[in-house]
């Protein structure tokens, strides 16, 4: 796997999520990038990797693939009812 780099925004978002009870760290984000349950197209060249976080939520990671690295732009939780509704 290429090197994973985090934007300042992504690092701040991780801290905000942890303060709200969503314990997300670099290892969990990397796990989502390595083995996502789903990948969607984002804006421009961005992609969104998604994995199950807990019974009611998914973790979504917005990233860009660059030549020798993956740049994590932001991360956020989403409700499974919203993001898994199209899956069987």
N, C-alpha and C. Protein backbone atom coordinates (compact mmCIF):
# COMPACT_ATOMS: atom_id res chain seq x y z
N UNK A 1 0.86 -1.18 0.00
CA UNK A 1 0.00 0.00 0.00
C UNK A 1 0.89 1.24 0.00
N UNK A 2 0.52 2.24 -0.78
CA UNK A 2 1.28 3.50 -0.78
C UNK A 2 1.21 4.18 0.59
N UNK A 3 2.07 5.12 0.80
CA UNK A 3 2.08 5.89 2.04
C UNK A 3 0.76 6.64 2.17
N UNK A 4 0.23 6.71 3.38
CA UNK A 4 -1.02 7.43 3.64
C UNK A 4 -0.67 8.72 4.36
N UNK A 5 -1.12 9.84 3.79
CA UNK A 5 -0.88 11.17 4.36
C UNK A 5 -2.24 11.77 4.70
N UNK A 6 -2.30 12.55 5.78
CA UNK A 6 -3.54 13.16 6.24
C UNK A 6 -3.45 14.68 6.11
N UNK A 7 -4.52 15.30 5.59
CA UNK A 7 -4.57 16.76 5.56
C UNK A 7 -4.78 17.26 6.99
N UNK A 8 -4.49 18.53 7.19
CA UNK A 8 -4.75 19.13 8.51
C UNK A 8 -6.23 19.02 8.85
N UNK A 9 -7.08 19.18 7.85
CA UNK A 9 -8.52 19.06 8.08
C UNK A 9 -8.87 17.66 8.58
N UNK A 10 -8.30 16.64 7.96
CA UNK A 10 -8.59 15.26 8.38
C UNK A 10 -8.13 15.03 9.82
N UNK A 11 -6.97 15.55 10.17
CA UNK A 11 -6.47 15.38 11.54
C UNK A 11 -7.39 16.08 12.54
N UNK A 12 -7.85 17.26 12.19
CA UNK A 12 -8.78 17.99 13.07
C UNK A 12 -10.10 17.23 13.18
N UNK A 13 -10.56 16.67 12.09
CA UNK A 13 -11.82 15.94 12.09
C UNK A 13 -11.74 14.70 12.97
N UNK A 14 -10.60 14.01 12.94
CA UNK A 14 -10.41 12.84 13.81
C UNK A 14 -10.56 13.25 15.27
N UNK A 15 -9.96 14.36 15.64
CA UNK A 15 -10.06 14.84 17.03
C UNK A 15 -11.50 15.21 17.38
N UNK A 16 -12.19 15.89 16.48
CA UNK A 16 -13.60 16.26 16.72
C UNK A 16 -14.45 15.01 16.90
N UNK A 17 -14.26 14.03 16.03
CA UNK A 17 -15.04 12.79 16.13
C UNK A 17 -14.77 12.08 17.45
N UNK A 18 -13.51 12.03 17.87
CA UNK A 18 -13.18 11.39 19.14
C UNK A 18 -13.84 12.11 20.31
N UNK A 19 -13.90 13.43 20.23
CA UNK A 19 -14.57 14.21 21.29
C UNK A 19 -16.07 13.95 21.34
N UNK A 20 -16.63 13.45 20.23
CA UNK A 20 -18.06 13.14 20.17
C UNK A 20 -18.34 11.65 20.32
N UNK A 21 -17.33 10.88 20.71
CA UNK A 21 -17.55 9.46 20.98
C UNK A 21 -17.32 8.51 19.81
N UNK A 22 -16.86 9.03 18.67
CA UNK A 22 -16.52 8.18 17.54
C UNK A 22 -15.00 8.01 17.56
N UNK A 23 -14.54 6.87 18.06
CA UNK A 23 -13.11 6.67 18.24
C UNK A 23 -12.47 6.18 16.95
N UNK A 24 -11.97 7.13 16.20
CA UNK A 24 -11.36 6.90 14.89
C UNK A 24 -9.89 7.27 15.01
N UNK A 25 -9.01 6.45 14.47
CA UNK A 25 -7.59 6.78 14.45
C UNK A 25 -7.00 6.41 13.09
N UNK A 26 -5.72 6.69 12.92
CA UNK A 26 -5.05 6.45 11.63
C UNK A 26 -5.13 4.98 11.24
N UNK A 27 -5.00 4.07 12.20
CA UNK A 27 -5.05 2.64 11.88
C UNK A 27 -6.41 2.22 11.34
N UNK A 28 -7.48 2.72 11.94
CA UNK A 28 -8.82 2.39 11.46
C UNK A 28 -9.05 2.96 10.06
N UNK A 29 -8.57 4.16 9.83
CA UNK A 29 -8.72 4.77 8.51
C UNK A 29 -7.94 3.98 7.46
N UNK A 30 -6.72 3.57 7.80
CA UNK A 30 -5.93 2.75 6.87
C UNK A 30 -6.62 1.42 6.60
N UNK A 31 -7.23 0.82 7.62
CA UNK A 31 -7.97 -0.44 7.43
C UNK A 31 -9.12 -0.23 6.45
N UNK A 32 -9.78 0.92 6.55
CA UNK A 32 -10.87 1.23 5.63
C UNK A 32 -10.36 1.38 4.21
N UNK A 33 -9.18 1.96 4.05
CA UNK A 33 -8.60 2.13 2.72
C UNK A 33 -8.12 0.80 2.13
N UNK A 34 -7.62 -0.09 2.98
CA UNK A 34 -7.11 -1.38 2.52
C UNK A 34 -8.24 -2.33 2.13
N UNK A 35 -9.28 -2.38 2.96
CA UNK A 35 -10.36 -3.34 2.72
C UNK A 35 -11.73 -2.68 2.90
N UNK A 36 -12.08 -1.76 2.03
CA UNK A 36 -13.39 -1.10 2.16
C UNK A 36 -14.53 -2.03 1.77
N UNK A 37 -15.67 -1.81 2.39
CA UNK A 37 -16.87 -2.56 1.99
C UNK A 37 -17.39 -2.02 0.67
N UNK A 38 -17.09 -0.74 0.41
CA UNK A 38 -17.59 -0.08 -0.79
C UNK A 38 -16.70 1.11 -1.10
N UNK A 39 -16.52 1.41 -2.39
CA UNK A 39 -15.82 2.62 -2.82
C UNK A 39 -16.74 3.35 -3.80
N UNK A 40 -16.91 4.63 -3.58
CA UNK A 40 -17.74 5.46 -4.46
C UNK A 40 -16.89 6.56 -5.06
N UNK A 41 -17.33 7.08 -6.16
CA UNK A 41 -16.69 8.25 -6.76
C UNK A 41 -17.09 9.48 -5.95
N UNK A 42 -16.12 10.34 -5.71
CA UNK A 42 -16.38 11.60 -5.04
C UNK A 42 -16.30 12.73 -6.05
N UNK A 43 -16.11 13.93 -5.58
CA UNK A 43 -15.97 15.08 -6.47
C UNK A 43 -14.60 15.07 -7.13
N UNK A 44 -14.57 15.38 -8.39
CA UNK A 44 -13.29 15.43 -9.11
C UNK A 44 -12.62 14.07 -9.11
N UNK A 45 -11.37 14.04 -8.67
CA UNK A 45 -10.61 12.80 -8.64
C UNK A 45 -10.72 12.08 -7.31
N UNK A 46 -11.52 12.60 -6.42
CA UNK A 46 -11.63 12.00 -5.08
C UNK A 46 -12.49 10.75 -5.09
N UNK A 47 -12.20 9.89 -4.12
CA UNK A 47 -12.98 8.67 -3.91
C UNK A 47 -13.38 8.62 -2.45
N UNK A 48 -14.41 7.81 -2.18
CA UNK A 48 -14.89 7.64 -0.81
C UNK A 48 -14.89 6.16 -0.49
N UNK A 49 -14.07 5.78 0.48
CA UNK A 49 -14.04 4.39 0.96
C UNK A 49 -14.97 4.31 2.16
N UNK A 50 -15.67 3.19 2.27
CA UNK A 50 -16.64 3.03 3.35
C UNK A 50 -16.49 1.66 3.99
N UNK A 51 -16.62 1.63 5.33
CA UNK A 51 -16.64 0.37 6.05
C UNK A 51 -17.60 0.49 7.23
N UNK A 52 -18.05 -0.64 7.73
CA UNK A 52 -18.95 -0.65 8.88
C UNK A 52 -18.16 -0.20 10.11
N UNK A 53 -18.73 0.74 10.85
CA UNK A 53 -18.09 1.23 12.07
C UNK A 53 -18.69 0.54 13.30
N UNK A 54 -20.01 0.56 13.39
CA UNK A 54 -20.71 -0.13 14.47
C UNK A 54 -22.10 -0.51 13.97
N UNK A 55 -22.94 -0.95 14.87
CA UNK A 55 -24.27 -1.44 14.47
C UNK A 55 -25.08 -0.40 13.69
N UNK A 56 -24.90 0.87 14.00
CA UNK A 56 -25.71 1.90 13.36
C UNK A 56 -24.98 2.82 12.41
N UNK A 57 -23.65 2.67 12.31
CA UNK A 57 -22.87 3.64 11.53
C UNK A 57 -21.84 3.00 10.61
N UNK A 58 -21.51 3.74 9.57
CA UNK A 58 -20.38 3.41 8.71
C UNK A 58 -19.35 4.52 8.87
N UNK A 59 -18.11 4.20 8.55
CA UNK A 59 -17.05 5.20 8.49
C UNK A 59 -16.78 5.48 7.03
N UNK A 60 -16.77 6.74 6.66
CA UNK A 60 -16.50 7.13 5.27
C UNK A 60 -15.22 7.96 5.23
N UNK A 61 -14.34 7.59 4.31
CA UNK A 61 -13.03 8.24 4.18
C UNK A 61 -12.92 8.82 2.78
N UNK A 62 -12.82 10.14 2.69
CA UNK A 62 -12.66 10.83 1.41
C UNK A 62 -11.15 10.96 1.16
N UNK A 63 -10.70 10.48 0.00
CA UNK A 63 -9.27 10.49 -0.28
C UNK A 63 -8.97 10.73 -1.75
N UNK A 64 -7.71 11.04 -2.01
CA UNK A 64 -7.21 11.20 -3.38
C UNK A 64 -6.02 10.26 -3.54
N UNK A 65 -5.98 9.57 -4.66
CA UNK A 65 -4.83 8.74 -4.97
C UNK A 65 -3.83 9.59 -5.75
N UNK A 66 -2.64 9.67 -5.23
CA UNK A 66 -1.58 10.42 -5.89
C UNK A 66 -0.52 9.44 -6.35
N UNK A 67 0.54 9.94 -6.96
CA UNK A 67 1.56 9.07 -7.55
C UNK A 67 2.12 8.05 -6.55
N UNK A 68 2.59 8.51 -5.41
CA UNK A 68 3.20 7.60 -4.44
C UNK A 68 2.54 7.64 -3.07
N UNK A 69 1.33 8.18 -3.01
CA UNK A 69 0.67 8.28 -1.71
C UNK A 69 -0.84 8.37 -1.87
N UNK A 70 -1.50 8.16 -0.76
CA UNK A 70 -2.94 8.37 -0.65
C UNK A 70 -3.12 9.54 0.31
N UNK A 71 -3.83 10.55 -0.12
CA UNK A 71 -4.08 11.73 0.70
C UNK A 71 -5.49 11.65 1.27
N UNK A 72 -5.60 11.52 2.57
CA UNK A 72 -6.91 11.49 3.24
C UNK A 72 -7.35 12.93 3.43
N UNK A 73 -8.48 13.28 2.80
CA UNK A 73 -8.99 14.65 2.83
C UNK A 73 -9.84 14.87 4.08
N UNK A 74 -10.74 13.93 4.34
CA UNK A 74 -11.60 14.02 5.53
C UNK A 74 -12.17 12.64 5.84
N UNK A 75 -12.72 12.52 7.02
CA UNK A 75 -13.40 11.29 7.44
C UNK A 75 -14.68 11.70 8.15
N UNK A 76 -15.69 10.87 8.05
CA UNK A 76 -16.93 11.17 8.77
C UNK A 76 -17.76 9.91 8.94
N UNK A 77 -18.53 9.85 10.02
CA UNK A 77 -19.45 8.72 10.19
C UNK A 77 -20.74 9.01 9.45
N UNK A 78 -21.40 7.97 9.06
CA UNK A 78 -22.71 8.10 8.44
C UNK A 78 -23.63 7.02 8.97
N UNK A 79 -24.90 7.25 8.90
CA UNK A 79 -25.85 6.23 9.35
C UNK A 79 -25.93 5.11 8.32
N UNK A 80 -25.92 3.90 8.82
CA UNK A 80 -25.98 2.74 7.92
C UNK A 80 -27.27 2.76 7.11
N UNK A 81 -28.35 3.25 7.70
CA UNK A 81 -29.62 3.28 6.98
C UNK A 81 -29.54 4.17 5.76
N UNK A 82 -28.69 5.17 5.78
CA UNK A 82 -28.55 6.05 4.62
C UNK A 82 -27.59 5.49 3.58
N UNK A 83 -26.44 5.01 4.03
CA UNK A 83 -25.38 4.65 3.09
C UNK A 83 -25.39 3.18 2.67
N UNK A 84 -26.18 2.36 3.33
CA UNK A 84 -26.26 0.97 2.93
C UNK A 84 -27.62 0.59 2.35
N UNK A 85 -28.47 1.57 2.12
CA UNK A 85 -29.82 1.27 1.64
C UNK A 85 -29.86 0.61 0.28
N UNK A 86 -28.80 0.83 -0.54
CA UNK A 86 -28.77 0.25 -1.89
C UNK A 86 -28.09 -1.11 -1.90
N UNK A 87 -27.66 -1.60 -0.76
CA UNK A 87 -27.00 -2.90 -0.71
C UNK A 87 -27.98 -3.96 -0.21
N UNK A 88 -27.73 -5.17 -0.62
CA UNK A 88 -28.60 -6.27 -0.21
C UNK A 88 -28.02 -6.97 1.00
